[in-house]
PDB file of N, CA and C in Angstrom:
ATOM      1  N   UNK A   1      98.445 112.153  53.435  1.00  0.00           N
ATOM      2  CA  UNK A   1      98.710 110.805  52.990  1.00  0.00           C
ATOM      3  C   UNK A   1      97.430 109.993  52.938  1.00  0.00           C
ATOM      4  N   UNK A   2      96.550 110.196  53.902  1.00  0.00           N
ATOM      5  CA  UNK A   2      95.307 109.445  53.927  1.00  0.00           C
ATOM      6  C   UNK A   2      94.168 110.333  54.344  1.00  0.00           C
ATOM      7  N   UNK A   3      93.102 109.707  54.747  1.00  0.00           N
ATOM      8  CA  UNK A   3      91.928 110.447  55.192  1.00  0.00           C
ATOM      9  C   UNK A   3      92.192 110.967  56.601  1.00  0.00           C
ATOM     10  N   UNK A   4      91.909 112.250  56.819  1.00  0.00           N
ATOM     11  CA  UNK A   4      92.059 112.839  58.150  1.00  0.00           C
ATOM     12  C   UNK A   4      90.807 112.530  58.966  1.00  0.00           C
ATOM     13  N   UNK A   5      91.002 111.961  60.137  1.00  0.00           N
ATOM     14  CA  UNK A   5      89.886 111.627  61.016  1.00  0.00           C
ATOM     15  C   UNK A   5      89.762 112.672  62.114  1.00  0.00           C
ATOM     16  N   UNK A   6      88.562 112.824  62.609  1.00  0.00           N
ATOM     17  CA  UNK A   6      88.339 113.688  63.762  1.00  0.00           C
ATOM     18  C   UNK A   6      89.047 113.091  64.977  1.00  0.00           C
ATOM     19  N   UNK A   7      89.391 113.922  65.952  1.00  0.00           N
ATOM     20  CA  UNK A   7      90.034 113.379  67.160  1.00  0.00           C
ATOM     21  C   UNK A   7      89.194 112.326  67.875  1.00  0.00           C
ATOM     22  N   UNK A   8      87.876 112.493  67.868  1.00  0.00           N
ATOM     23  CA  UNK A   8      87.034 111.491  68.536  1.00  0.00           C
ATOM     24  C   UNK A   8      87.078 110.155  67.794  1.00  0.00           C
ATOM     25  N   UNK A   9      87.148 110.209  66.459  1.00  0.00           N
ATOM     26  CA  UNK A   9      87.257 108.969  65.687  1.00  0.00           C
ATOM     27  C   UNK A   9      88.602 108.288  65.920  1.00  0.00           C
ATOM     28  N   UNK A  10      89.665 109.089  65.996  1.00  0.00           N
ATOM     29  CA  UNK A  10      90.992 108.529  66.264  1.00  0.00           C
ATOM     30  C   UNK A  10      91.049 107.916  67.667  1.00  0.00           C
ATOM     31  N   UNK A  11      90.442 108.583  68.621  1.00  0.00           N
ATOM     32  CA  UNK A  11      90.420 108.068  69.988  1.00  0.00           C
ATOM     33  C   UNK A  11      89.649 106.752  70.055  1.00  0.00           C
ATOM     34  N   UNK A  12      88.513 106.691  69.366  1.00  0.00           N
ATOM     35  CA  UNK A  12      87.719 105.462  69.333  1.00  0.00           C
ATOM     36  C   UNK A  12      88.501 104.327  68.671  1.00  0.00           C
ATOM     37  N   UNK A  13      89.177 104.631  67.560  1.00  0.00           N
ATOM     38  CA  UNK A  13      89.970 103.609  66.874  1.00  0.00           C
ATOM     39  C   UNK A  13      91.107 103.113  67.759  1.00  0.00           C
ATOM     40  N   UNK A  14      91.736 104.023  68.491  1.00  0.00           N
ATOM     41  CA  UNK A  14      92.805 103.617  69.395  1.00  0.00           C
ATOM     42  C   UNK A  14      92.313 102.722  70.512  1.00  0.00           C
ATOM     43  N   UNK A  15      91.168 103.063  71.079  1.00  0.00           N
ATOM     44  CA  UNK A  15      90.602 102.244  72.156  1.00  0.00           C
ATOM     45  C   UNK A  15      90.213 100.868  71.627  1.00  0.00           C
ATOM     46  N   UNK A  16      89.655 100.818  70.427  1.00  0.00           N
ATOM     47  CA  UNK A  16      89.296  99.525  69.829  1.00  0.00           C
ATOM     48  C   UNK A  16      90.548  98.679  69.604  1.00  0.00           C
ATOM     49  N   UNK A  17      91.627  99.296  69.106  1.00  0.00           N
ATOM     50  CA  UNK A  17      92.870  98.553  68.906  1.00  0.00           C
ATOM     51  C   UNK A  17      93.427  98.027  70.228  1.00  0.00           C
ATOM     52  N   UNK A  18      93.366  98.845  71.266  1.00  0.00           N
ATOM     53  CA  UNK A  18      93.853  98.404  72.577  1.00  0.00           C
ATOM     54  C   UNK A  18      93.031  97.218  73.083  1.00  0.00           C
ATOM     55  N   UNK A  19      91.722  97.304  72.974  1.00  0.00           N
ATOM     56  CA  UNK A  19      90.850  96.230  73.468  1.00  0.00           C
ATOM     57  C   UNK A  19      91.083  94.942  72.682  1.00  0.00           C
ATOM     58  N   UNK A  20      91.163  95.050  71.359  1.00  0.00           N
ATOM     59  CA  UNK A  20      91.388  93.856  70.530  1.00  0.00           C
ATOM     60  C   UNK A  20      92.744  93.237  70.851  1.00  0.00           C
ATOM     61  N   UNK A  21      93.756  94.071  70.991  1.00  0.00           N
ATOM     62  CA  UNK A  21      95.083  93.558  71.304  1.00  0.00           C
ATOM     63  C   UNK A  21      95.142  92.873  72.654  1.00  0.00           C
ATOM     64  N   UNK A  22      94.539  93.492  73.669  1.00  0.00           N
ATOM     65  CA  UNK A  22      94.573  92.897  75.009  1.00  0.00           C
ATOM     66  C   UNK A  22      93.739  91.627  75.097  1.00  0.00           C
ATOM     67  N   UNK A  23      92.593  91.614  74.451  1.00  0.00           N
ATOM     68  CA  UNK A  23      91.772  90.394  74.448  1.00  0.00           C
ATOM     69  C   UNK A  23      92.518  89.266  73.742  1.00  0.00           C
ATOM     70  N   UNK A  24      93.157  89.579  72.634  1.00  0.00           N
ATOM     71  CA  UNK A  24      93.939  88.566  71.927  1.00  0.00           C
ATOM     72  C   UNK A  24      95.109  88.061  72.744  1.00  0.00           C
ATOM     73  N   UNK A  25      95.791  88.970  73.439  1.00  0.00           N
ATOM     74  CA  UNK A  25      96.909  88.552  74.284  1.00  0.00           C
ATOM     75  C   UNK A  25      96.450  87.654  75.424  1.00  0.00           C
ATOM     76  N   UNK A  26      95.394  88.042  76.094  1.00  0.00           N
ATOM     77  CA  UNK A  26      94.882  87.225  77.196  1.00  0.00           C
ATOM     78  C   UNK A  26      94.410  85.874  76.675  1.00  0.00           C
ATOM     79  N   UNK A  27      93.769  85.878  75.530  1.00  0.00           N
ATOM     80  CA  UNK A  27      93.278  84.639  74.926  1.00  0.00           C
ATOM     81  C   UNK A  27      94.436  83.706  74.584  1.00  0.00           C
ATOM     82  N   UNK A  28      95.524  84.259  74.051  1.00  0.00           N
ATOM     83  CA  UNK A  28      96.671  83.432  73.687  1.00  0.00           C
ATOM     84  C   UNK A  28      97.467  82.990  74.910  1.00  0.00           C
ATOM     85  N   UNK A  29      97.686  83.898  75.857  1.00  0.00           N
ATOM     86  CA  UNK A  29      98.548  83.596  76.994  1.00  0.00           C
ATOM     87  C   UNK A  29      97.896  82.593  77.943  1.00  0.00           C
ATOM     88  N   UNK A  30      96.584  82.650  78.092  1.00  0.00           N
ATOM     89  CA  UNK A  30      95.918  81.723  79.003  1.00  0.00           C
ATOM     90  C   UNK A  30      95.796  80.317  78.441  1.00  0.00           C
ATOM     91  N   UNK A  31      96.119  80.118  77.185  1.00  0.00           N
ATOM     92  CA  UNK A  31      96.111  78.784  76.617  1.00  0.00           C
ATOM     93  C   UNK A  31      94.839  78.420  75.888  1.00  0.00           C
ATOM     94  N   UNK A  32      93.874  79.327  75.832  1.00  0.00           N
ATOM     95  CA  UNK A  32      92.635  79.015  75.131  1.00  0.00           C
ATOM     96  C   UNK A  32      92.751  79.246  73.629  1.00  0.00           C
ATOM     97  N   UNK A  33      93.741  79.985  73.206  1.00  0.00           N
ATOM     98  CA  UNK A  33      93.868  80.317  71.787  1.00  0.00           C
ATOM     99  C   UNK A  33      94.679  79.288  71.036  1.00  0.00           C
ATOM    100  N   UNK A  34      94.046  78.203  70.658  1.00  0.00           N
ATOM    101  CA  UNK A  34      94.741  77.178  69.901  1.00  0.00           C
ATOM    102  C   UNK A  34      94.576  77.462  68.417  1.00  0.00           C
ATOM    103  N   UNK A  35      95.669  77.451  67.706  1.00  0.00           N
ATOM    104  CA  UNK A  35      95.634  77.615  66.263  1.00  0.00           C
ATOM    105  C   UNK A  35      95.658  76.247  65.604  1.00  0.00           C
ATOM    106  N   UNK A  36      95.608  76.242  64.297  1.00  0.00           N
ATOM    107  CA  UNK A  36      95.609  74.975  63.566  1.00  0.00           C
ATOM    108  C   UNK A  36      96.870  74.173  63.891  1.00  0.00           C
ATOM    109  N   UNK A  37      98.012  74.847  63.987  1.00  0.00           N
ATOM    110  CA  UNK A  37      99.255  74.151  64.299  1.00  0.00           C
ATOM    111  C   UNK A  37      99.314  73.651  65.724  1.00  0.00           C
ATOM    112  N   UNK A  38      98.545  74.265  66.610  1.00  0.00           N
ATOM    113  CA  UNK A  38      98.556  73.855  68.011  1.00  0.00           C
ATOM    114  C   UNK A  38      97.673  72.644  68.271  1.00  0.00           C
ATOM    115  N   UNK A  39      96.689  72.434  67.423  1.00  0.00           N
ATOM    116  CA  UNK A  39      95.735  71.348  67.647  1.00  0.00           C
ATOM    117  C   UNK A  39      96.372  70.026  67.214  1.00  0.00           C
ATOM    118  N   UNK A  40      96.496  69.143  68.156  1.00  0.00           N
ATOM    119  CA  UNK A  40      97.003  67.810  67.849  1.00  0.00           C
ATOM    120  C   UNK A  40      96.327  66.830  68.788  1.00  0.00           C
ATOM    121  N   UNK A  41      96.540  65.574  68.543  1.00  0.00           N
ATOM    122  CA  UNK A  41      95.913  64.564  69.381  1.00  0.00           C
ATOM    123  C   UNK A  41      96.448  64.557  70.799  1.00  0.00           C
ATOM    124  N   UNK A  42      97.692  64.977  70.971  1.00  0.00           N
ATOM    125  CA  UNK A  42      98.306  64.962  72.296  1.00  0.00           C
ATOM    126  C   UNK A  42      98.671  66.381  72.698  1.00  0.00           C
ATOM    127  N   UNK A  43      97.702  67.251  72.761  1.00  0.00           N
ATOM    128  CA  UNK A  43      97.953  68.643  73.131  1.00  0.00           C
ATOM    129  C   UNK A  43      98.113  68.747  74.641  1.00  0.00           C
ATOM    130  N   UNK A  44      99.202  69.342  75.065  1.00  0.00           N
ATOM    131  CA  UNK A  44      99.402  69.624  76.480  1.00  0.00           C
ATOM    132  C   UNK A  44      99.434  71.129  76.661  1.00  0.00           C
ATOM    133  N   UNK A  45      99.126  71.567  77.874  1.00  0.00           N
ATOM    134  CA  UNK A  45      99.058  73.003  78.132  1.00  0.00           C
ATOM    135  C   UNK A  45     100.423  73.648  77.915  1.00  0.00           C
ATOM    136  N   UNK A  46     101.469  73.059  78.470  1.00  0.00           N
ATOM    137  CA  UNK A  46     102.833  73.535  78.229  1.00  0.00           C
ATOM    138  C   UNK A  46     103.595  72.416  77.538  1.00  0.00           C
ATOM    139  N   UNK A  47     103.945  72.631  76.296  1.00  0.00           N
ATOM    140  CA  UNK A  47     104.612  71.581  75.543  1.00  0.00           C
ATOM    141  C   UNK A  47     106.117  71.594  75.761  1.00  0.00           C
ATOM    142  N   UNK A  48     106.647  72.594  76.441  1.00  0.00           N
ATOM    143  CA  UNK A  48     108.076  72.645  76.692  1.00  0.00           C
ATOM    144  C   UNK A  48     108.842  73.367  75.605  1.00  0.00           C
ATOM    145  N   UNK A  49     108.275  73.494  74.438  1.00  0.00           N
ATOM    146  CA  UNK A  49     108.927  74.191  73.344  1.00  0.00           C
ATOM    147  C   UNK A  49     108.199  75.474  73.003  1.00  0.00           C
ATOM    148  N   UNK A  50     108.799  76.254  72.144  1.00  0.00           N
ATOM    149  CA  UNK A  50     108.182  77.512  71.732  1.00  0.00           C
ATOM    150  C   UNK A  50     107.773  77.384  70.273  1.00  0.00           C
ATOM    151  N   UNK A  51     106.491  77.366  70.030  1.00  0.00           N
ATOM    152  CA  UNK A  51     105.980  77.268  68.682  1.00  0.00           C
ATOM    153  C   UNK A  51     106.171  78.614  67.986  1.00  0.00           C
ATOM    154  N   UNK A  52     106.777  78.602  66.816  1.00  0.00           N
ATOM    155  CA  UNK A  52     107.061  79.840  66.095  1.00  0.00           C
ATOM    156  C   UNK A  52     105.779  80.556  65.699  1.00  0.00           C
ATOM    157  N   UNK A  53     104.776  79.821  65.280  1.00  0.00           N
ATOM    158  CA  UNK A  53     103.503  80.432  64.897  1.00  0.00           C
ATOM    159  C   UNK A  53     102.837  81.101  66.098  1.00  0.00           C
ATOM    160  N   UNK A  54     102.912  80.469  67.242  1.00  0.00           N
ATOM    161  CA  UNK A  54     102.350  81.059  68.453  1.00  0.00           C
ATOM    162  C   UNK A  54     103.088  82.334  68.829  1.00  0.00           C
ATOM    163  N   UNK A  55     104.389  82.343  68.666  1.00  0.00           N
ATOM    164  CA  UNK A  55     105.188  83.532  68.949  1.00  0.00           C
ATOM    165  C   UNK A  55     104.832  84.675  68.005  1.00  0.00           C
ATOM    166  N   UNK A  56     104.620  84.369  66.741  1.00  0.00           N
ATOM    167  CA  UNK A  56     104.253  85.395  65.758  1.00  0.00           C
ATOM    168  C   UNK A  56     102.875  85.975  66.073  1.00  0.00           C
ATOM    169  N   UNK A  57     101.916  85.124  66.398  1.00  0.00           N
ATOM    170  CA  UNK A  57     100.562  85.598  66.700  1.00  0.00           C
ATOM    171  C   UNK A  57     100.567  86.460  67.957  1.00  0.00           C
ATOM    172  N   UNK A  58     101.299  86.051  68.973  1.00  0.00           N
ATOM    173  CA  UNK A  58     101.403  86.855  70.188  1.00  0.00           C
ATOM    174  C   UNK A  58     102.067  88.191  69.897  1.00  0.00           C
ATOM    175  N   UNK A  59     103.080  88.190  69.045  1.00  0.00           N
ATOM    176  CA  UNK A  59     103.744  89.440  68.662  1.00  0.00           C
ATOM    177  C   UNK A  59     102.801  90.369  67.918  1.00  0.00           C
ATOM    178  N   UNK A  60     101.953  89.822  67.067  1.00  0.00           N
ATOM    179  CA  UNK A  60     100.979  90.648  66.343  1.00  0.00           C
ATOM    180  C   UNK A  60     100.016  91.312  67.325  1.00  0.00           C
ATOM    181  N   UNK A  61      99.542  90.568  68.305  1.00  0.00           N
ATOM    182  CA  UNK A  61      98.642  91.158  69.301  1.00  0.00           C
ATOM    183  C   UNK A  61      99.355  92.233  70.129  1.00  0.00           C
ATOM    184  N   UNK A  62     100.630  92.026  70.437  1.00  0.00           N
ATOM    185  CA  UNK A  62     101.398  93.049  71.143  1.00  0.00           C
ATOM    186  C   UNK A  62     101.536  94.316  70.305  1.00  0.00           C
ATOM    187  N   UNK A  63     101.823  94.152  69.021  1.00  0.00           N
ATOM    188  CA  UNK A  63     101.963  95.303  68.125  1.00  0.00           C
ATOM    189  C   UNK A  63     100.652  96.059  68.014  1.00  0.00           C
ATOM    190  N   UNK A  64      99.538  95.332  67.898  1.00  0.00           N
ATOM    191  CA  UNK A  64      98.225  95.984  67.815  1.00  0.00           C
ATOM    192  C   UNK A  64      97.939  96.771  69.093  1.00  0.00           C
ATOM    193  N   UNK A  65      98.278  96.197  70.245  1.00  0.00           N
ATOM    194  CA  UNK A  65      98.061  96.896  71.514  1.00  0.00           C
ATOM    195  C   UNK A  65      98.897  98.165  71.592  1.00  0.00           C
ATOM    196  N   UNK A  66     100.175  98.065  71.253  1.00  0.00           N
ATOM    197  CA  UNK A  66     101.041  99.248  71.301  1.00  0.00           C
ATOM    198  C   UNK A  66     100.638 100.290  70.268  1.00  0.00           C
ATOM    199  N   UNK A  67     100.154  99.862  69.110  1.00  0.00           N
ATOM    200  CA  UNK A  67      99.666 100.813  68.110  1.00  0.00           C
ATOM    201  C   UNK A  67      98.452 101.566  68.640  1.00  0.00           C
ATOM    202  N   UNK A  68      97.561 100.859  69.305  1.00  0.00           N
ATOM    203  CA  UNK A  68      96.400 101.513  69.901  1.00  0.00           C
ATOM    204  C   UNK A  68      96.788 102.505  70.979  1.00  0.00           C
ATOM    205  N   UNK A  69      97.767 102.134  71.807  1.00  0.00           N
ATOM    206  CA  UNK A  69      98.246 103.058  72.840  1.00  0.00           C
ATOM    207  C   UNK A  69      98.858 104.298  72.200  1.00  0.00           C
ATOM    208  N   UNK A  70      99.613 104.112  71.123  1.00  0.00           N
ATOM    209  CA  UNK A  70     100.215 105.257  70.441  1.00  0.00           C
ATOM    210  C   UNK A  70      99.154 106.168  69.828  1.00  0.00           C
ATOM    211  N   UNK A  71      98.133 105.585  69.217  1.00  0.00           N
ATOM    212  CA  UNK A  71      97.074 106.393  68.600  1.00  0.00           C
ATOM    213  C   UNK A  71      96.349 107.214  69.659  1.00  0.00           C
ATOM    214  N   UNK A  72      96.043 106.605  70.799  1.00  0.00           N
ATOM    215  CA  UNK A  72      95.378 107.339  71.878  1.00  0.00           C
ATOM    216  C   UNK A  72      96.294 108.438  72.409  1.00  0.00           C
ATOM    217  N   UNK A  73      97.565 108.126  72.631  1.00  0.00           N
ATOM    218  CA  UNK A  73      98.520 109.118  73.127  1.00  0.00           C
ATOM    219  C   UNK A  73      98.671 110.273  72.141  1.00  0.00           C
ATOM    220  N   UNK A  74      98.803 109.958  70.867  1.00  0.00           N
ATOM    221  CA  UNK A  74      98.981 110.991  69.848  1.00  0.00           C
ATOM    222  C   UNK A  74      97.739 111.871  69.741  1.00  0.00           C
ATOM    223  N   UNK A  75      96.564 111.278  69.839  1.00  0.00           N
ATOM    224  CA  UNK A  75      95.324 112.051  69.775  1.00  0.00           C
ATOM    225  C   UNK A  75      95.209 112.998  70.964  1.00  0.00           C
ATOM    226  N   UNK A  76      95.527 112.510  72.149  1.00  0.00           N
ATOM    227  CA  UNK A  76      95.448 113.361  73.338  1.00  0.00           C
ATOM    228  C   UNK A  76      96.503 114.464  73.279  1.00  0.00           C
ATOM    229  N   UNK A  77      97.697 114.122  72.799  1.00  0.00           N
ATOM    230  CA  UNK A  77      98.771 115.115  72.708  1.00  0.00           C
ATOM    231  C   UNK A  77      98.426 116.212  71.711  1.00  0.00           C
ATOM    232  N   UNK A  78      97.897 115.840  70.542  1.00  0.00           N
ATOM    233  CA  UNK A  78      97.534 116.836  69.530  1.00  0.00           C
ATOM    234  C   UNK A  78      96.329 117.658  69.962  1.00  0.00           C
ATOM    235  N   UNK A  79      95.423 117.050  70.711  1.00  0.00           N
ATOM    236  CA  UNK A  79      94.227 117.764  71.149  1.00  0.00           C
ATOM    237  C   UNK A  79      94.556 118.792  72.230  1.00  0.00           C
ATOM    238  N   UNK A  80      95.613 118.528  73.008  1.00  0.00           N
ATOM    239  CA  UNK A  80      95.960 119.468  74.076  1.00  0.00           C
ATOM    240  C   UNK A  80      96.741 120.674  73.560  1.00  0.00           C
ATOM    241  N   UNK A  81      97.265 120.614  72.342  1.00  0.00           N
ATOM    242  CA  UNK A  81      98.018 121.751  71.770  1.00  0.00           C
ATOM    243  C   UNK A  81      97.140 122.897  71.372  1.00  0.00           C
TER     244      UNK A  81
END
């Protein structure tokens, strides 16, 4: 379907995805990751509501993290066969 990568390249890509996903999650969860919709004159740390855009961005970082974990797992599983 696509270009076949070496196991070391797949492992590196998986680790990069995991790192990017976790850094993004920590950045969003700790409150430092303000998006355009989050920036307002009266920004509070906990606004009491759930911003849909914030939920989507956090979900994307979760998906990227799980994709990286799957790529690493799949590479290790195929390499051990």
